[in-house]
């Protein structure tokens, strides 16, 4: 299913995990333009150039971390929705970092269960 020009940016420093996220999105029929970045700085630059609807942001990145990269993206692109992907337990992280930057937090161990529903919720897809 195509979502008419919907763009998603995956910011993750591990190539294998980034490819797995892309494959998971495609496997579920979410036909979107997918962009990738392997650092916070590249992610910010890629976001400014591509204007994604959703950014999937790792928190632990080389250079600027995902939290700072997300703040910079939101400052420039307030309509972009950011989903943090974290190795930390997502609920405890959510309690620690409450802000208007994040639309959601997903633990990497819960990715296959929670990512597609989160994307559909954000894009208001039934």
PDB file of N, CA and C in Angstrom:
ATOM      1  N   UNK A   1       0.850  -1.179   0.000  1.00  0.00           N
ATOM      2  CA  UNK A   1       0.000   0.000   0.000  1.00  0.00           C
ATOM      3  C   UNK A   1       0.891   1.235   0.000  1.00  0.00           C
ATOM      4  N   UNK A   2       0.601   2.186  -0.854  1.00  0.00           N
ATOM      5  CA  UNK A   2       1.397   3.402  -0.950  1.00  0.00           C
ATOM      6  C   UNK A   2       0.720   4.526  -0.175  1.00  0.00           C
ATOM      7  N   UNK A   3       1.532   5.361   0.431  1.00  0.00           N
ATOM      8  CA  UNK A   3       0.995   6.459   1.236  1.00  0.00           C
ATOM      9  C   UNK A   3       1.417   7.799   0.660  1.00  0.00           C
ATOM     10  N   UNK A   4       1.242   7.939  -0.658  1.00  0.00           N
ATOM     11  CA  UNK A   4       1.383   9.179  -1.382  1.00  0.00           C
ATOM     12  C   UNK A   4       2.466  10.130  -0.943  1.00  0.00           C
ATOM     13  N   UNK A   5       3.711   9.780  -1.167  1.00  0.00           N
ATOM     14  CA  UNK A   5       4.812  10.685  -0.870  1.00  0.00           C
ATOM     15  C   UNK A   5       5.219  10.740   0.585  1.00  0.00           C
ATOM     16  N   UNK A   6       4.699   9.852   1.407  1.00  0.00           N
ATOM     17  CA  UNK A   6       5.102   9.819   2.807  1.00  0.00           C
ATOM     18  C   UNK A   6       6.585   9.473   2.887  1.00  0.00           C
ATOM     19  N   UNK A   7       7.300  10.206   3.732  1.00  0.00           N
ATOM     20  CA  UNK A   7       8.742  10.009   3.868  1.00  0.00           C
ATOM     21  C   UNK A   7       9.090   9.637   5.297  1.00  0.00           C
ATOM     22  N   UNK A   8      10.012   8.684   5.407  1.00  0.00           N
ATOM     23  CA  UNK A   8      10.482   8.252   6.714  1.00  0.00           C
ATOM     24  C   UNK A   8      12.010   8.254   6.696  1.00  0.00           C
ATOM     25  N   UNK A   9      12.599   8.742   7.757  1.00  0.00           N
ATOM     26  CA  UNK A   9      14.050   8.790   7.907  1.00  0.00           C
ATOM     27  C   UNK A   9      14.450   7.905   9.070  1.00  0.00           C
ATOM     28  N   UNK A  10      15.376   6.977   8.821  1.00  0.00           N
ATOM     29  CA  UNK A  10      15.892   6.088   9.859  1.00  0.00           C
ATOM     30  C   UNK A  10      17.287   6.569  10.230  1.00  0.00           C
ATOM     31  N   UNK A  11      17.473   7.004  11.477  1.00  0.00           N
ATOM     32  CA  UNK A  11      18.781   7.465  11.953  1.00  0.00           C
ATOM     33  C   UNK A  11      19.276   6.434  12.967  1.00  0.00           C
ATOM     34  N   UNK A  12      20.228   5.617  12.531  1.00  0.00           N
ATOM     35  CA  UNK A  12      20.724   4.476  13.308  1.00  0.00           C
ATOM     36  C   UNK A  12      22.149   4.187  12.855  1.00  0.00           C
ATOM     37  N   UNK A  13      23.063   4.044  13.801  1.00  0.00           N
ATOM     38  CA  UNK A  13      24.469   3.856  13.429  1.00  0.00           C
ATOM     39  C   UNK A  13      24.841   2.415  13.096  1.00  0.00           C
ATOM     40  N   UNK A  14      23.997   1.450  13.400  1.00  0.00           N
ATOM     41  CA  UNK A  14      24.284   0.056  13.071  1.00  0.00           C
ATOM     42  C   UNK A  14      23.603  -0.307  11.748  1.00  0.00           C
ATOM     43  N   UNK A  15      24.421  -0.572  10.734  1.00  0.00           N
ATOM     44  CA  UNK A  15      23.903  -0.847   9.392  1.00  0.00           C
ATOM     45  C   UNK A  15      22.889  -1.983   9.370  1.00  0.00           C
ATOM     46  N   UNK A  16      23.203  -3.089  10.053  1.00  0.00           N
ATOM     47  CA  UNK A  16      22.308  -4.249  10.037  1.00  0.00           C
ATOM     48  C   UNK A  16      20.952  -3.921  10.644  1.00  0.00           C
ATOM     49  N   UNK A  17      20.952  -3.180  11.738  1.00  0.00           N
ATOM     50  CA  UNK A  17      19.686  -2.829  12.380  1.00  0.00           C
ATOM     51  C   UNK A  17      18.899  -1.866  11.493  1.00  0.00           C
ATOM     52  N   UNK A  18      19.591  -0.906  10.892  1.00  0.00           N
ATOM     53  CA  UNK A  18      18.932   0.050   9.992  1.00  0.00           C
ATOM     54  C   UNK A  18      18.273  -0.691   8.823  1.00  0.00           C
ATOM     55  N   UNK A  19      18.978  -1.649   8.239  1.00  0.00           N
ATOM     56  CA  UNK A  19      18.408  -2.439   7.137  1.00  0.00           C
ATOM     57  C   UNK A  19      17.219  -3.269   7.613  1.00  0.00           C
ATOM     58  N   UNK A  20      17.314  -3.816   8.826  1.00  0.00           N
ATOM     59  CA  UNK A  20      16.210  -4.607   9.373  1.00  0.00           C
ATOM     60  C   UNK A  20      14.961  -3.749   9.570  1.00  0.00           C
ATOM     61  N   UNK A  21      15.136  -2.526  10.021  1.00  0.00           N
ATOM     62  CA  UNK A  21      13.999  -1.609  10.200  1.00  0.00           C
ATOM     63  C   UNK A  21      13.363  -1.318   8.843  1.00  0.00           C
ATOM     64  N   UNK A  22      14.180  -1.014   7.854  1.00  0.00           N
ATOM     65  CA  UNK A  22      13.668  -0.730   6.500  1.00  0.00           C
ATOM     66  C   UNK A  22      12.890  -1.934   5.969  1.00  0.00           C
ATOM     67  N   UNK A  23      13.479  -3.116   6.089  1.00  0.00           N
ATOM     68  CA  UNK A  23      12.845  -4.333   5.597  1.00  0.00           C
ATOM     69  C   UNK A  23      11.516  -4.586   6.310  1.00  0.00           C
ATOM     70  N   UNK A  24      11.485  -4.354   7.617  1.00  0.00           N
ATOM     71  CA  UNK A  24      10.258  -4.552   8.399  1.00  0.00           C
ATOM     72  C   UNK A  24       9.152  -3.608   7.915  1.00  0.00           C
ATOM     73  N   UNK A  25       9.493  -2.380   7.660  1.00  0.00           N
ATOM     74  CA  UNK A  25       8.511  -1.400   7.163  1.00  0.00           C
ATOM     75  C   UNK A  25       7.975  -1.853   5.806  1.00  0.00           C
ATOM     76  N   UNK A  26       8.887  -2.236   4.914  1.00  0.00           N
ATOM     77  CA  UNK A  26       8.483  -2.656   3.574  1.00  0.00           C
ATOM     78  C   UNK A  26       7.660  -3.944   3.613  1.00  0.00           C
ATOM     79  N   UNK A  27       8.029  -4.873   4.495  1.00  0.00           N
ATOM     80  CA  UNK A  27       7.333  -6.160   4.628  1.00  0.00           C
ATOM     81  C   UNK A  27       5.861  -5.961   4.985  1.00  0.00           C
ATOM     82  N   UNK A  28       5.565  -4.910   5.721  1.00  0.00           N
ATOM     83  CA  UNK A  28       4.188  -4.647   6.143  1.00  0.00           C
ATOM     84  C   UNK A  28       3.431  -3.758   5.168  1.00  0.00           C
ATOM     85  N   UNK A  29       3.947  -3.615   3.976  1.00  0.00           N
ATOM     86  CA  UNK A  29       3.232  -2.897   2.933  1.00  0.00           C
ATOM     87  C   UNK A  29       3.197  -1.397   3.105  1.00  0.00           C
ATOM     88  N   UNK A  30       4.084  -0.866   3.941  1.00  0.00           N
ATOM     89  CA  UNK A  30       4.134   0.588   4.113  1.00  0.00           C
ATOM     90  C   UNK A  30       5.082   1.141   3.048  1.00  0.00           C
ATOM     91  N   UNK A  31       4.536   1.384   1.875  1.00  0.00           N
ATOM     92  CA  UNK A  31       5.330   1.856   0.753  1.00  0.00           C
ATOM     93  C   UNK A  31       5.569   3.362   0.907  1.00  0.00           C
ATOM     94  N   UNK A  32       6.757   3.699   1.393  1.00  0.00           N
ATOM     95  CA  UNK A  32       7.117   5.088   1.661  1.00  0.00           C
ATOM     96  C   UNK A  32       8.500   5.344   1.092  1.00  0.00           C
ATOM     97  N   UNK A  33       8.835   6.600   0.935  1.00  0.00           N
ATOM     98  CA  UNK A  33      10.211   6.958   0.604  1.00  0.00           C
ATOM     99  C   UNK A  33      11.008   6.838   1.898  1.00  0.00           C
ATOM    100  N   UNK A  34      12.022   5.972   1.912  1.00  0.00           N
ATOM    101  CA  UNK A  34      12.811   5.727   3.107  1.00  0.00           C
ATOM    102  C   UNK A  34      14.212   6.298   2.909  1.00  0.00           C
ATOM    103  N   UNK A  35      14.633   7.117   3.852  1.00  0.00           N
ATOM    104  CA  UNK A  35      15.972   7.706   3.861  1.00  0.00           C
ATOM    105  C   UNK A  35      16.706   7.152   5.074  1.00  0.00           C
ATOM    106  N   UNK A  36      18.034   7.139   4.984  1.00  0.00           N
ATOM    107  CA  UNK A  36      18.822   6.577   6.076  1.00  0.00           C
ATOM    108  C   UNK A  36      20.000   7.485   6.411  1.00  0.00           C
ATOM    109  N   UNK A  37      20.367   7.477   7.683  1.00  0.00           N
ATOM    110  CA  UNK A  37      21.537   8.207   8.159  1.00  0.00           C
ATOM    111  C   UNK A  37      22.180   7.393   9.271  1.00  0.00           C
ATOM    112  N   UNK A  38      23.509   7.482   9.381  1.00  0.00           N
ATOM    113  CA  UNK A  38      24.202   6.682  10.391  1.00  0.00           C
ATOM    114  C   UNK A  38      24.810   7.498  11.523  1.00  0.00           C
ATOM    115  N   UNK A  39      24.467   8.782  11.607  1.00  0.00           N
ATOM    116  CA  UNK A  39      24.914   9.607  12.732  1.00  0.00           C
ATOM    117  C   UNK A  39      23.900  10.723  12.952  1.00  0.00           C
ATOM    118  N   UNK A  40      23.996  11.347  14.123  1.00  0.00           N
ATOM    119  CA  UNK A  40      23.083  12.450  14.428  1.00  0.00           C
ATOM    120  C   UNK A  40      23.247  13.622  13.471  1.00  0.00           C
ATOM    121  N   UNK A  41      24.496  13.983  13.166  1.00  0.00           N
ATOM    122  CA  UNK A  41      24.739  15.111  12.272  1.00  0.00           C
ATOM    123  C   UNK A  41      24.183  14.842  10.877  1.00  0.00           C
ATOM    124  N   UNK A  42      24.458  13.637  10.364  1.00  0.00           N
ATOM    125  CA  UNK A  42      23.953  13.292   9.028  1.00  0.00           C
ATOM    126  C   UNK A  42      22.429  13.225   9.054  1.00  0.00           C
ATOM    127  N   UNK A  43      21.871  12.733  10.148  1.00  0.00           N
ATOM    128  CA  UNK A  43      20.424  12.675  10.283  1.00  0.00           C
ATOM    129  C   UNK A  43      19.773  14.039  10.224  1.00  0.00           C
ATOM    130  N   UNK A  44      20.360  15.010  10.899  1.00  0.00           N
ATOM    131  CA  UNK A  44      19.819  16.377  10.859  1.00  0.00           C
ATOM    132  C   UNK A  44      19.877  16.916   9.437  1.00  0.00           C
ATOM    133  N   UNK A  45      21.024  16.763   8.789  1.00  0.00           N
ATOM    134  CA  UNK A  45      21.169  17.241   7.411  1.00  0.00           C
ATOM    135  C   UNK A  45      20.209  16.559   6.461  1.00  0.00           C
ATOM    136  N   UNK A  46      20.075  15.248   6.591  1.00  0.00           N
ATOM    137  CA  UNK A  46      19.165  14.484   5.737  1.00  0.00           C
ATOM    138  C   UNK A  46      17.721  14.912   5.989  1.00  0.00           C
ATOM    139  N   UNK A  47      17.369  15.156   7.237  1.00  0.00           N
ATOM    140  CA  UNK A  47      16.011  15.599   7.557  1.00  0.00           C
ATOM    141  C   UNK A  47      15.707  16.949   6.910  1.00  0.00           C
ATOM    142  N   UNK A  48      16.652  17.874   7.003  1.00  0.00           N
ATOM    143  CA  UNK A  48      16.442  19.200   6.414  1.00  0.00           C
ATOM    144  C   UNK A  48      16.251  19.079   4.897  1.00  0.00           C
ATOM    145  N   UNK A  49      17.020  18.191   4.260  1.00  0.00           N
ATOM    146  CA  UNK A  49      16.908  18.017   2.807  1.00  0.00           C
ATOM    147  C   UNK A  49      15.650  17.261   2.387  1.00  0.00           C
ATOM    148  N   UNK A  50      15.233  16.259   3.181  1.00  0.00           N
ATOM    149  CA  UNK A  50      14.133  15.393   2.744  1.00  0.00           C
ATOM    150  C   UNK A  50      12.777  15.729   3.362  1.00  0.00           C
ATOM    151  N   UNK A  51      12.763  16.479   4.466  1.00  0.00           N
ATOM    152  CA  UNK A  51      11.531  16.859   5.162  1.00  0.00           C
ATOM    153  C   UNK A  51      10.641  15.642   5.439  1.00  0.00           C
ATOM    154  N   UNK A  52      11.123  14.701   6.266  1.00  0.00           N
ATOM    155  CA  UNK A  52      10.376  13.463   6.505  1.00  0.00           C
ATOM    156  C   UNK A  52       9.129  13.685   7.354  1.00  0.00           C
ATOM    157  N   UNK A  53       8.151  12.824   7.126  1.00  0.00           N
ATOM    158  CA  UNK A  53       6.948  12.830   7.957  1.00  0.00           C
ATOM    159  C   UNK A  53       7.260  12.222   9.319  1.00  0.00           C
ATOM    160  N   UNK A  54       8.096  11.153   9.297  1.00  0.00           N
ATOM    161  CA  UNK A  54       8.468  10.449  10.523  1.00  0.00           C
ATOM    162  C   UNK A  54       9.976  10.233  10.529  1.00  0.00           C
ATOM    163  N   UNK A  55      10.577  10.428  11.698  1.00  0.00           N
ATOM    164  CA  UNK A  55      11.988  10.121  11.906  1.00  0.00           C
ATOM    165  C   UNK A  55      12.067   9.035  12.964  1.00  0.00           C
ATOM    166  N   UNK A  56      12.726   7.938  12.622  1.00  0.00           N
ATOM    167  CA  UNK A  56      13.006   6.873  13.587  1.00  0.00           C
ATOM    168  C   UNK A  56      14.416   7.124  14.083  1.00  0.00           C
ATOM    169  N   UNK A  57      14.559   7.515  15.334  1.00  0.00           N
ATOM    170  CA  UNK A  57      15.825   8.027  15.862  1.00  0.00           C
ATOM    171  C   UNK A  57      16.390   7.137  16.965  1.00  0.00           C
ATOM    172  N   UNK A  58      17.578   6.602  16.703  1.00  0.00           N
ATOM    173  CA  UNK A  58      18.312   5.911  17.761  1.00  0.00           C
ATOM    174  C   UNK A  58      18.764   6.974  18.755  1.00  0.00           C
ATOM    175  N   UNK A  59      18.872   6.622  20.006  1.00  0.00           N
ATOM    176  CA  UNK A  59      19.297   7.592  21.014  1.00  0.00           C
ATOM    177  C   UNK A  59      20.811   7.649  21.114  1.00  0.00           C
ATOM    178  N   UNK A  60      21.445   6.500  21.076  1.00  0.00           N
ATOM    179  CA  UNK A  60      22.896   6.428  21.224  1.00  0.00           C
ATOM    180  C   UNK A  60      23.545   6.436  19.847  1.00  0.00           C
ATOM    181  N   UNK A  61      24.082   7.589  19.463  1.00  0.00           N
ATOM    182  CA  UNK A  61      24.686   7.771  18.144  1.00  0.00           C
ATOM    183  C   UNK A  61      26.075   8.383  18.288  1.00  0.00           C
ATOM    184  N   UNK A  62      26.942   8.148  17.299  1.00  0.00           N
ATOM    185  CA  UNK A  62      28.236   8.838  17.317  1.00  0.00           C
ATOM    186  C   UNK A  62      28.035  10.332  17.051  1.00  0.00           C
ATOM    187  N   UNK A  63      28.929  11.159  17.543  1.00  0.00           N
ATOM    188  CA  UNK A  63      28.768  12.614  17.385  1.00  0.00           C
ATOM    189  C   UNK A  63      27.660  13.097  18.291  1.00  0.00           C
ATOM    190  N   UNK A  64      26.773  13.915  17.756  1.00  0.00           N
ATOM    191  CA  UNK A  64      25.647  14.351  18.586  1.00  0.00           C
ATOM    192  C   UNK A  64      24.701  13.171  18.781  1.00  0.00           C
ATOM    193  N   UNK A  65      24.171  13.032  19.984  1.00  0.00           N
ATOM    194  CA  UNK A  65      23.296  11.893  20.248  1.00  0.00           C
ATOM    195  C   UNK A  65      21.910  12.132  19.649  1.00  0.00           C
ATOM    196  N   UNK A  66      21.100  11.096  19.709  1.00  0.00           N
ATOM    197  CA  UNK A  66      19.779  11.164  19.114  1.00  0.00           C
ATOM    198  C   UNK A  66      18.863  12.194  19.733  1.00  0.00           C
ATOM    199  N   UNK A  67      19.018  12.438  21.023  1.00  0.00           N
ATOM    200  CA  UNK A  67      18.173  13.446  21.682  1.00  0.00           C
ATOM    201  C   UNK A  67      18.458  14.836  21.117  1.00  0.00           C
ATOM    202  N   UNK A  68      19.739  15.176  20.981  1.00  0.00           N
ATOM    203  CA  UNK A  68      20.105  16.481  20.431  1.00  0.00           C
ATOM    204  C   UNK A  68      19.733  16.571  18.954  1.00  0.00           C
ATOM    205  N   UNK A  69      19.978  15.505  18.204  1.00  0.00           N
ATOM    206  CA  UNK A  69      19.607  15.503  16.784  1.00  0.00           C
ATOM    207  C   UNK A  69      18.102  15.704  16.632  1.00  0.00           C
ATOM    208  N   UNK A  70      17.321  15.039  17.477  1.00  0.00           N
ATOM    209  CA  UNK A  70      15.863  15.179  17.429  1.00  0.00           C
ATOM    210  C   UNK A  70      15.443  16.612  17.751  1.00  0.00           C
ATOM    211  N   UNK A  71      16.072  17.217  18.740  1.00  0.00           N
ATOM    212  CA  UNK A  71      15.749  18.620  19.079  1.00  0.00           C
ATOM    213  C   UNK A  71      16.028  19.539  17.885  1.00  0.00           C
ATOM    214  N   UNK A  72      17.167  19.311  17.227  1.00  0.00           N
ATOM    215  CA  UNK A  72      17.515  20.146  16.070  1.00  0.00           C
ATOM    216  C   UNK A  72      16.527  19.935  14.920  1.00  0.00           C
ATOM    217  N   UNK A  73      16.137  18.694  14.688  1.00  0.00           N
ATOM    218  CA  UNK A  73      15.175  18.415  13.619  1.00  0.00           C
ATOM    219  C   UNK A  73      13.834  19.065  13.941  1.00  0.00           C
ATOM    220  N   UNK A  74      13.350  18.913  15.174  1.00  0.00           N
ATOM    221  CA  UNK A  74      12.058  19.499  15.551  1.00  0.00           C
ATOM    222  C   UNK A  74      12.078  21.025  15.466  1.00  0.00           C
ATOM    223  N   UNK A  75      13.220  21.627  15.795  1.00  0.00           N
ATOM    224  CA  UNK A  75      13.324  23.079  15.715  1.00  0.00           C
ATOM    225  C   UNK A  75      13.177  23.554  14.269  1.00  0.00           C
ATOM    226  N   UNK A  76      13.692  22.784  13.343  1.00  0.00           N
ATOM    227  CA  UNK A  76      13.637  23.163  11.920  1.00  0.00           C
ATOM    228  C   UNK A  76      12.399  22.633  11.212  1.00  0.00           C
ATOM    229  N   UNK A  77      11.921  21.471  11.653  1.00  0.00           N
ATOM    230  CA  UNK A  77      10.799  20.801  10.987  1.00  0.00           C
ATOM    231  C   UNK A  77       9.762  20.382  12.039  1.00  0.00           C
ATOM    232  N   UNK A  78       9.025  21.334  12.578  1.00  0.00           N
ATOM    233  CA  UNK A  78       8.120  21.026  13.690  1.00  0.00           C
ATOM    234  C   UNK A  78       7.026  20.013  13.361  1.00  0.00           C
ATOM    235  N   UNK A  79       6.703  19.815  12.080  1.00  0.00           N
ATOM    236  CA  UNK A  79       5.652  18.850  11.726  1.00  0.00           C
ATOM    237  C   UNK A  79       6.166  17.419  11.654  1.00  0.00           C
ATOM    238  N   UNK A  80       7.474  17.224  11.577  1.00  0.00           N
ATOM    239  CA  UNK A  80       8.024  15.865  11.566  1.00  0.00           C
ATOM    240  C   UNK A  80       7.767  15.204  12.915  1.00  0.00           C
ATOM    241  N   UNK A  81       7.342  13.969  12.880  1.00  0.00           N
ATOM    242  CA  UNK A  81       7.101  13.188  14.097  1.00  0.00           C
ATOM    243  C   UNK A  81       8.325  12.326  14.358  1.00  0.00           C
ATOM    244  N   UNK A  82       8.748  12.265  15.595  1.00  0.00           N
ATOM    245  CA  UNK A  82       9.952  11.516  15.943  1.00  0.00           C
ATOM    246  C   UNK A  82       9.598  10.358  16.858  1.00  0.00           C
ATOM    247  N   UNK A  83      10.039   9.168  16.446  1.00  0.00           N
ATOM    248  CA  UNK A  83       9.907   7.974  17.269  1.00  0.00           C
ATOM    249  C   UNK A  83      11.315   7.578  17.686  1.00  0.00           C
ATOM    250  N   UNK A  84      11.568   7.597  18.976  1.00  0.00           N
ATOM    251  CA  UNK A  84      12.879   7.167  19.472  1.00  0.00           C
ATOM    252  C   UNK A  84      12.923   5.647  19.550  1.00  0.00           C
ATOM    253  N   UNK A  85      14.008   5.086  19.043  1.00  0.00           N
ATOM    254  CA  UNK A  85      14.279   3.658  19.170  1.00  0.00           C
ATOM    255  C   UNK A  85      15.389   3.530  20.190  1.00  0.00           C
ATOM    256  N   UNK A  86      15.148   2.758  21.236  1.00  0.00           N
ATOM    257  CA  UNK A  86      16.100   2.724  22.328  1.00  0.00           C
ATOM    258  C   UNK A  86      16.383   1.318  22.814  1.00  0.00           C
ATOM    259  N   UNK A  87      17.626   1.091  23.223  1.00  0.00           N
ATOM    260  CA  UNK A  87      18.005  -0.173  23.859  1.00  0.00           C
ATOM    261  C   UNK A  87      17.525  -0.186  25.312  1.00  0.00           C
ATOM    262  N   UNK A  88      17.271   1.009  25.841  1.00  0.00           N
ATOM    263  CA  UNK A  88      16.790   1.122  27.212  1.00  0.00           C
ATOM    264  C   UNK A  88      15.335   0.694  27.267  1.00  0.00           C
ATOM    265  N   UNK A  89      14.864   0.375  28.423  1.00  0.00           N
ATOM    266  CA  UNK A  89      13.461   0.035  28.591  1.00  0.00           C
ATOM    267  C   UNK A  89      12.646   1.291  28.299  1.00  0.00           C
ATOM    268  N   UNK A  90      11.795   1.207  27.303  1.00  0.00           N
ATOM    269  CA  UNK A  90      11.122   2.396  26.776  1.00  0.00           C
ATOM    270  C   UNK A  90      10.285   3.128  27.814  1.00  0.00           C
ATOM    271  N   UNK A  91       9.575   2.424  28.657  1.00  0.00           N
ATOM    272  CA  UNK A  91       8.706   3.089  29.638  1.00  0.00           C
ATOM    273  C   UNK A  91       9.501   3.915  30.643  1.00  0.00           C
ATOM    274  N   UNK A  92      10.623   3.374  31.120  1.00  0.00           N
ATOM    275  CA  UNK A  92      11.417   4.147  32.075  1.00  0.00           C
ATOM    276  C   UNK A  92      12.065   5.335  31.375  1.00  0.00           C
ATOM    277  N   UNK A  93      12.413   5.167  30.118  1.00  0.00           N
ATOM    278  CA  UNK A  93      12.986   6.271  29.372  1.00  0.00           C
ATOM    279  C   UNK A  93      11.940   7.365  29.162  1.00  0.00           C
ATOM    280  N   UNK A  94      10.733   6.961  28.860  1.00  0.00           N
ATOM    281  CA  UNK A  94       9.641   7.926  28.646  1.00  0.00           C
ATOM    282  C   UNK A  94       9.441   8.780  29.888  1.00  0.00           C
ATOM    283  N   UNK A  95       9.526   8.167  31.058  1.00  0.00           N
ATOM    284  CA  UNK A  95       9.367   8.910  32.304  1.00  0.00           C
ATOM    285  C   UNK A  95      10.518   9.887  32.525  1.00  0.00           C
ATOM    286  N   UNK A  96      11.713   9.501  32.088  1.00  0.00           N
ATOM    287  CA  UNK A  96      12.891  10.344  32.278  1.00  0.00           C
ATOM    288  C   UNK A  96      12.896  11.523  31.320  1.00  0.00           C
ATOM    289  N   UNK A  97      12.459  11.299  30.092  1.00  0.00           N
ATOM    290  CA  UNK A  97      12.562  12.331  29.059  1.00  0.00           C
ATOM    291  C   UNK A  97      11.189  12.651  28.497  1.00  0.00           C
ATOM    292  N   UNK A  98      10.461  13.495  29.169  1.00  0.00           N
ATOM    293  CA  UNK A  98       9.173  13.957  28.678  1.00  0.00           C
ATOM    294  C   UNK A  98       9.392  15.268  27.935  1.00  0.00           C
ATOM    295  N   UNK A  99       8.986  15.300  26.689  1.00  0.00           N
ATOM    296  CA  UNK A  99       9.093  16.554  25.940  1.00  0.00           C
ATOM    297  C   UNK A  99       8.163  16.515  24.753  1.00  0.00           C
ATOM    298  N   UNK A 100       8.042  17.640  24.099  1.00  0.00           N
ATOM    299  CA  UNK A 100       7.216  17.694  22.902  1.00  0.00           C
ATOM    300  C   UNK A 100       7.999  17.264  21.668  1.00  0.00           C
ATOM    301  N   UNK A 101       9.245  16.826  21.839  1.00  0.00           N
ATOM    302  CA  UNK A 101      10.068  16.380  20.717  1.00  0.00           C
ATOM    303  C   UNK A 101       9.611  15.007  20.238  1.00  0.00           C
ATOM    304  N   UNK A 102       9.321  14.101  21.160  1.00  0.00           N
ATOM    305  CA  UNK A 102       9.039  12.715  20.808  1.00  0.00           C
ATOM    306  C   UNK A 102       7.548  12.445  20.630  1.00  0.00           C
ATOM    307  N   UNK A 103       7.229  11.705  19.574  1.00  0.00           N
ATOM    308  CA  UNK A 103       5.866  11.212  19.390  1.00  0.00           C
ATOM    309  C   UNK A 103       5.701   9.858  20.050  1.00  0.00           C
ATOM    310  N   UNK A 104       6.816   9.097  20.155  1.00  0.00           N
ATOM    311  CA  UNK A 104       6.756   7.785  20.778  1.00  0.00           C
ATOM    312  C   UNK A 104       8.169   7.307  21.095  1.00  0.00           C
ATOM    313  N   UNK A 105       8.241   6.297  21.950  1.00  0.00           N
ATOM    314  CA  UNK A 105       9.492   5.616  22.296  1.00  0.00           C
ATOM    315  C   UNK A 105       9.228   4.133  22.115  1.00  0.00           C
ATOM    316  N   UNK A 106      10.121   3.447  21.412  1.00  0.00           N
ATOM    317  CA  UNK A 106       9.969   2.013  21.227  1.00  0.00           C
ATOM    318  C   UNK A 106      11.289   1.348  21.581  1.00  0.00           C
ATOM    319  N   UNK A 107      11.218   0.393  22.480  1.00  0.00           N
ATOM    320  CA  UNK A 107      12.397  -0.393  22.801  1.00  0.00           C
ATOM    321  C   UNK A 107      12.771  -1.237  21.591  1.00  0.00           C
ATOM    322  N   UNK A 108      14.058  -1.330  21.301  1.00  0.00           N
ATOM    323  CA  UNK A 108      14.479  -2.101  20.129  1.00  0.00           C
ATOM    324  C   UNK A 108      14.017  -3.548  20.220  1.00  0.00           C
ATOM    325  N   UNK A 109      13.903  -4.081  21.420  1.00  0.00           N
ATOM    326  CA  UNK A 109      13.425  -5.458  21.574  1.00  0.00           C
ATOM    327  C   UNK A 109      11.936  -5.582  21.227  1.00  0.00           C
ATOM    328  N   UNK A 110      11.206  -4.464  21.229  1.00  0.00           N
ATOM    329  CA  UNK A 110       9.782  -4.456  20.895  1.00  0.00           C
ATOM    330  C   UNK A 110       9.509  -3.963  19.480  1.00  0.00           C
ATOM    331  N   UNK A 111      10.553  -3.737  18.708  1.00  0.00           N
ATOM    332  CA  UNK A 111      10.419  -3.120  17.394  1.00  0.00           C
ATOM    333  C   UNK A 111       9.414  -3.845  16.501  1.00  0.00           C
ATOM    334  N   UNK A 112       9.550  -5.162  16.382  1.00  0.00           N
ATOM    335  CA  UNK A 112       8.705  -5.897  15.446  1.00  0.00           C
ATOM    336  C   UNK A 112       7.243  -5.912  15.858  1.00  0.00           C
ATOM    337  N   UNK A 113       6.986  -5.727  17.117  1.00  0.00           N
ATOM    338  CA  UNK A 113       5.616  -5.712  17.618  1.00  0.00           C
ATOM    339  C   UNK A 113       5.002  -4.307  17.567  1.00  0.00           C
ATOM    340  N   UNK A 114       5.803  -3.282  17.834  1.00  0.00           N
ATOM    341  CA  UNK A 114       5.228  -1.951  18.069  1.00  0.00           C
ATOM    342  C   UNK A 114       5.486  -0.898  16.988  1.00  0.00           C
ATOM    343  N   UNK A 115       6.468  -1.117  16.105  1.00  0.00           N
ATOM    344  CA  UNK A 115       6.819  -0.050  15.162  1.00  0.00           C
ATOM    345  C   UNK A 115       5.710   0.240  14.152  1.00  0.00           C
ATOM    346  N   UNK A 116       5.229  -0.772  13.458  1.00  0.00           N
ATOM    347  CA  UNK A 116       4.212  -0.543  12.425  1.00  0.00           C
ATOM    348  C   UNK A 116       2.945   0.067  13.027  1.00  0.00           C
ATOM    349  N   UNK A 117       2.438  -0.443  14.155  1.00  0.00           N
ATOM    350  CA  UNK A 117       1.266   0.225  14.751  1.00  0.00           C
ATOM    351  C   UNK A 117       1.535   1.698  15.108  1.00  0.00           C
ATOM    352  N   UNK A 118       2.742   2.002  15.577  1.00  0.00           N
ATOM    353  CA  UNK A 118       3.071   3.395  15.912  1.00  0.00           C
ATOM    354  C   UNK A 118       3.079   4.274  14.662  1.00  0.00           C
ATOM    355  N   UNK A 119       3.660   3.763  13.579  1.00  0.00           N
ATOM    356  CA  UNK A 119       3.686   4.522  12.320  1.00  0.00           C
ATOM    357  C   UNK A 119       2.257   4.748  11.827  1.00  0.00           C
ATOM    358  N   UNK A 120       1.447   3.698  11.841  1.00  0.00           N
ATOM    359  CA  UNK A 120       0.059   3.829  11.380  1.00  0.00           C
ATOM    360  C   UNK A 120      -0.723   4.813  12.235  1.00  0.00           C
ATOM    361  N   UNK A 121      -0.487   4.795  13.554  1.00  0.00           N
ATOM    362  CA  UNK A 121      -1.184   5.726  14.450  1.00  0.00           C
ATOM    363  C   UNK A 121      -0.788   7.173  14.113  1.00  0.00           C
ATOM    364  N   UNK A 122       0.500   7.401  13.946  1.00  0.00           N
ATOM    365  CA  UNK A 122       0.994   8.753  13.663  1.00  0.00           C
ATOM    366  C   UNK A 122       0.452   9.263  12.330  1.00  0.00           C
ATOM    367  N   UNK A 123       0.392   8.374  11.330  1.00  0.00           N
ATOM    368  CA  UNK A 123      -0.089   8.765   9.998  1.00  0.00           C
ATOM    369  C   UNK A 123      -1.608   8.654   9.869  1.00  0.00           C
ATOM    370  N   UNK A 124      -2.268   8.205  10.943  1.00  0.00           N
ATOM    371  CA  UNK A 124      -3.717   8.024  10.977  1.00  0.00           C
ATOM    372  C   UNK A 124      -4.177   7.056   9.881  1.00  0.00           C
ATOM    373  N   UNK A 125      -3.479   5.908   9.816  1.00  0.00           N
ATOM    374  CA  UNK A 125      -3.809   4.850   8.866  1.00  0.00           C
ATOM    375  C   UNK A 125      -4.586   3.788   9.613  1.00  0.00           C
ATOM    376  N   UNK A 126      -5.678   3.372   9.075  1.00  0.00           N
ATOM    377  CA  UNK A 126      -6.505   2.329   9.717  1.00  0.00           C
ATOM    378  C   UNK A 126      -5.986   0.956   9.386  1.00  0.00           C
TER     379      UNK A 126
END
